[in-house]
Amino acid sequence: MKNQYIAYCGLNCETCEARIATINNDDLLRKNVAESWSKLNAVEITPEMINCTGCRMNGPKTPFCESLCPIRQCALKKGIQTCGECPDVKTCEKAQMILGTSDEARRNLGL
């Protein structure tokens, strides 16, 4: 896969507000993303947690992307670039968390 900003799940990290806040060192955007994600996920997310350069890129990751995302952990374990390479992707419950609701992610993975 040529675009390193396509996450394991097919989402485009290049358009992720956490990545945008990180590369622009935008503390106001970090604060806004933390508030939004806290409400969306019903957990406390602080602006300090909003540092990520992309799921498959070298550099910092949000705590969820680094160690909690089951899709990323599975792909790393399998040694694949994205879920699009996995023969089980169409029946995978983990992948369906994203692919079941995102046409963009499916297109990015060629599904």
C-alpha atoms as a PDB file:
ATOM      1  CA  MET A   1       0.000   0.000   0.000  1.00  0.00           C
ATOM      2  CA  LYS A   2       1.489   3.286  -1.073  1.00  0.00           C
ATOM      3  CA  ASN A   3      -0.334   5.696   1.260  1.00  0.00           C
ATOM      4  CA  GLN A   4       1.214   5.232   4.696  1.00  0.00           C
ATOM      5  CA  TYR A   5      -1.501   7.434   6.191  1.00  0.00           C
ATOM      6  CA  ILE A   6      -4.176   4.802   5.591  1.00  0.00           C
ATOM      7  CA  ALA A   7      -4.641   3.115   8.961  1.00  0.00           C
ATOM      8  CA  TYR A   8      -4.810  -0.641   9.412  1.00  0.00           C
ATOM      9  CA  CYS A   9      -8.621  -0.320   9.449  1.00  0.00           C
ATOM     10  CA  GLY A  10      -8.761   1.807   6.301  1.00  0.00           C
ATOM     11  CA  LEU A  11      -9.404   5.185   7.910  1.00  0.00           C
ATOM     12  CA  ASN A  12      -7.279   8.044   6.585  1.00  0.00           C
ATOM     13  CA  CYS A  13      -4.987   9.277   9.373  1.00  0.00           C
ATOM     14  CA  GLU A  14      -3.985  12.226   7.206  1.00  0.00           C
ATOM     15  CA  THR A  15      -7.427  13.752   7.813  1.00  0.00           C
ATOM     16  CA  CYS A  16      -7.619  12.834  11.524  1.00  0.00           C
ATOM     17  CA  GLU A  17      -7.905  15.875  13.775  1.00  0.00           C
ATOM     18  CA  ALA A  18      -5.507  14.322  16.305  1.00  0.00           C
ATOM     19  CA  ARG A  19      -2.813  14.056  13.630  1.00  0.00           C
ATOM     20  CA  ILE A  20      -3.556  17.553  12.336  1.00  0.00           C
ATOM     21  CA  ALA A  21      -3.278  18.963  15.867  1.00  0.00           C
ATOM     22  CA  THR A  22       0.005  17.096  16.354  1.00  0.00           C
ATOM     23  CA  ILE A  23       1.719  18.165  13.139  1.00  0.00           C
ATOM     24  CA  ASN A  24       0.556  21.778  13.574  1.00  0.00           C
ATOM     25  CA  ASN A  25       1.225  21.795  17.332  1.00  0.00           C
ATOM     26  CA  ASP A  26      -2.286  23.204  17.700  1.00  0.00           C
ATOM     27  CA  ASP A  27      -3.238  23.165  21.384  1.00  0.00           C
ATOM     28  CA  LEU A  28      -6.699  24.595  20.767  1.00  0.00           C
ATOM     29  CA  LEU A  29      -7.490  21.783  18.322  1.00  0.00           C
ATOM     30  CA  ARG A  30      -6.076  19.251  20.832  1.00  0.00           C
ATOM     31  CA  LYS A  31      -8.462  20.645  23.455  1.00  0.00           C
ATOM     32  CA  ASN A  32     -11.436  20.504  21.092  1.00  0.00           C
ATOM     33  CA  VAL A  33     -10.630  16.963  19.954  1.00  0.00           C
ATOM     34  CA  ALA A  34     -10.188  15.807  23.557  1.00  0.00           C
ATOM     35  CA  GLU A  35     -13.570  17.252  24.516  1.00  0.00           C
ATOM     36  CA  SER A  36     -15.296  15.758  21.484  1.00  0.00           C
ATOM     37  CA  TRP A  37     -13.725  12.314  21.855  1.00  0.00           C
ATOM     38  CA  SER A  38     -14.420  12.315  25.614  1.00  0.00           C
ATOM     39  CA  LYS A  39     -18.130  12.815  24.942  1.00  0.00           C
ATOM     40  CA  LEU A  40     -18.198  10.373  22.036  1.00  0.00           C
ATOM     41  CA  ASN A  41     -16.454   7.588  23.974  1.00  0.00           C
ATOM     42  CA  ALA A  42     -17.753   8.357  27.479  1.00  0.00           C
ATOM     43  CA  VAL A  43     -14.206   8.410  28.868  1.00  0.00           C
ATOM     44  CA  GLU A  44     -11.889  11.182  29.959  1.00  0.00           C
ATOM     45  CA  ILE A  45      -9.475  12.161  27.212  1.00  0.00           C
ATOM     46  CA  THR A  46      -7.145  15.041  27.935  1.00  0.00           C
ATOM     47  CA  PRO A  47      -5.525  17.385  25.408  1.00  0.00           C
ATOM     48  CA  GLU A  48      -2.161  15.883  26.370  1.00  0.00           C
ATOM     49  CA  MET A  49      -3.370  12.550  24.978  1.00  0.00           C
ATOM     50  CA  ILE A  50      -3.980  14.083  21.560  1.00  0.00           C
ATOM     51  CA  ASN A  51      -0.605  13.428  19.973  1.00  0.00           C
ATOM     52  CA  CYS A  52      -0.488  11.129  16.970  1.00  0.00           C
ATOM     53  CA  THR A  53       1.400  11.067  13.692  1.00  0.00           C
ATOM     54  CA  GLY A  54      -0.652   8.230  12.206  1.00  0.00           C
ATOM     55  CA  CYS A  55      -1.498   4.629  12.948  1.00  0.00           C
ATOM     56  CA  ARG A  56       1.198   3.125  10.737  1.00  0.00           C
ATOM     57  CA  MET A  57       3.704   5.982  10.943  1.00  0.00           C
ATOM     58  CA  ASN A  58       6.677   6.268  13.272  1.00  0.00           C
ATOM     59  CA  GLY A  59       6.059   8.704  16.070  1.00  0.00           C
ATOM     60  CA  PRO A  60       3.594   9.315  18.861  1.00  0.00           C
ATOM     61  CA  LYS A  61       0.153   7.742  19.003  1.00  0.00           C
ATOM     62  CA  THR A  62      -2.917   8.492  21.087  1.00  0.00           C
ATOM     63  CA  PRO A  63      -3.235   6.006  23.979  1.00  0.00           C
ATOM     64  CA  PHE A  64      -6.089   4.250  22.164  1.00  0.00           C
ATOM     65  CA  CYS A  65      -4.211   3.946  18.880  1.00  0.00           C
ATOM     66  CA  GLU A  66      -0.979   2.904  20.582  1.00  0.00           C
ATOM     67  CA  SER A  67      -2.188   0.021  22.688  1.00  0.00           C
ATOM     68  CA  LEU A  68      -5.969  -0.262  22.950  1.00  0.00           C
ATOM     69  CA  CYS A  69      -7.153  -0.443  19.343  1.00  0.00           C
ATOM     70  CA  PRO A  70      -7.950  -4.121  18.696  1.00  0.00           C
ATOM     71  CA  ILE A  71      -7.631  -3.652  14.934  1.00  0.00           C
ATOM     72  CA  ARG A  72      -4.118  -2.213  15.140  1.00  0.00           C
ATOM     73  CA  GLN A  73      -3.012  -4.858  17.638  1.00  0.00           C
ATOM     74  CA  CYS A  74      -4.325  -7.659  15.402  1.00  0.00           C
ATOM     75  CA  ALA A  75      -2.652  -6.266  12.274  1.00  0.00           C
ATOM     76  CA  LEU A  76       0.665  -5.839  14.093  1.00  0.00           C
ATOM     77  CA  LYS A  77       0.450  -9.414  15.388  1.00  0.00           C
ATOM     78  CA  LYS A  78      -0.319 -10.730  11.890  1.00  0.00           C
ATOM     79  CA  GLY A  79       2.397  -8.569  10.310  1.00  0.00           C
ATOM     80  CA  ILE A  80       0.075  -7.083   7.701  1.00  0.00           C
ATOM     81  CA  GLN A  81       0.017  -3.511   6.385  1.00  0.00           C
ATOM     82  CA  THR A  82      -3.768  -3.188   6.552  1.00  0.00           C
ATOM     83  CA  CYS A  83      -6.859  -5.286   7.142  1.00  0.00           C
ATOM     84  CA  GLY A  84      -7.269  -5.323   3.369  1.00  0.00           C
ATOM     85  CA  GLU A  85      -4.499  -7.946   3.237  1.00  0.00           C
ATOM     86  CA  CYS A  86      -6.230 -10.242   5.712  1.00  0.00           C
ATOM     87  CA  PRO A  87      -8.219 -13.131   4.232  1.00  0.00           C
ATOM     88  CA  ASP A  88     -10.668 -12.906   7.160  1.00  0.00           C
ATOM     89  CA  VAL A  89     -11.456  -9.189   6.799  1.00  0.00           C
ATOM     90  CA  LYS A  90     -15.026  -9.625   5.554  1.00  0.00           C
ATOM     91  CA  THR A  91     -16.033 -11.735   8.560  1.00  0.00           C
ATOM     92  CA  CYS A  92     -13.795 -10.100  11.185  1.00  0.00           C
ATOM     93  CA  GLU A  93     -15.751  -8.518  14.040  1.00  0.00           C
ATOM     94  CA  LYS A  94     -12.859  -6.169  14.852  1.00  0.00           C
ATOM     95  CA  ALA A  95     -12.569  -4.845  11.307  1.00  0.00           C
ATOM     96  CA  GLN A  96     -16.330  -4.500  10.996  1.00  0.00           C
ATOM     97  CA  MET A  97     -16.303  -1.920  13.813  1.00  0.00           C
ATOM     98  CA  ILE A  98     -14.980   0.480  11.155  1.00  0.00           C
ATOM     99  CA  LEU A  99     -15.743  -1.195   7.843  1.00  0.00           C
ATOM    100  CA  GLY A 100     -19.367  -1.721   8.776  1.00  0.00           C
ATOM    101  CA  THR A 101     -19.948   2.027   8.917  1.00  0.00           C
ATOM    102  CA  SER A 102     -17.307   3.622   6.684  1.00  0.00           C
ATOM    103  CA  ASP A 103     -17.513   3.489   2.897  1.00  0.00           C
ATOM    104  CA  GLU A 104     -14.250   5.481   2.770  1.00  0.00           C
ATOM    105  CA  ALA A 105     -12.400   2.882   4.842  1.00  0.00           C
ATOM    106  CA  ARG A 106     -13.647   0.061   2.619  1.00  0.00           C
ATOM    107  CA  ARG A 107     -12.558   1.977  -0.507  1.00  0.00           C
ATOM    108  CA  ASN A 108      -9.152   2.745   1.012  1.00  0.00           C
ATOM    109  CA  LEU A 109      -8.628  -0.977   1.598  1.00  0.00           C
ATOM    110  CA  GLY A 110      -9.873  -1.910  -1.853  1.00  0.00           C
ATOM    111  CA  LEU A 111     -12.920  -3.763  -0.520  1.00  0.00           C
END
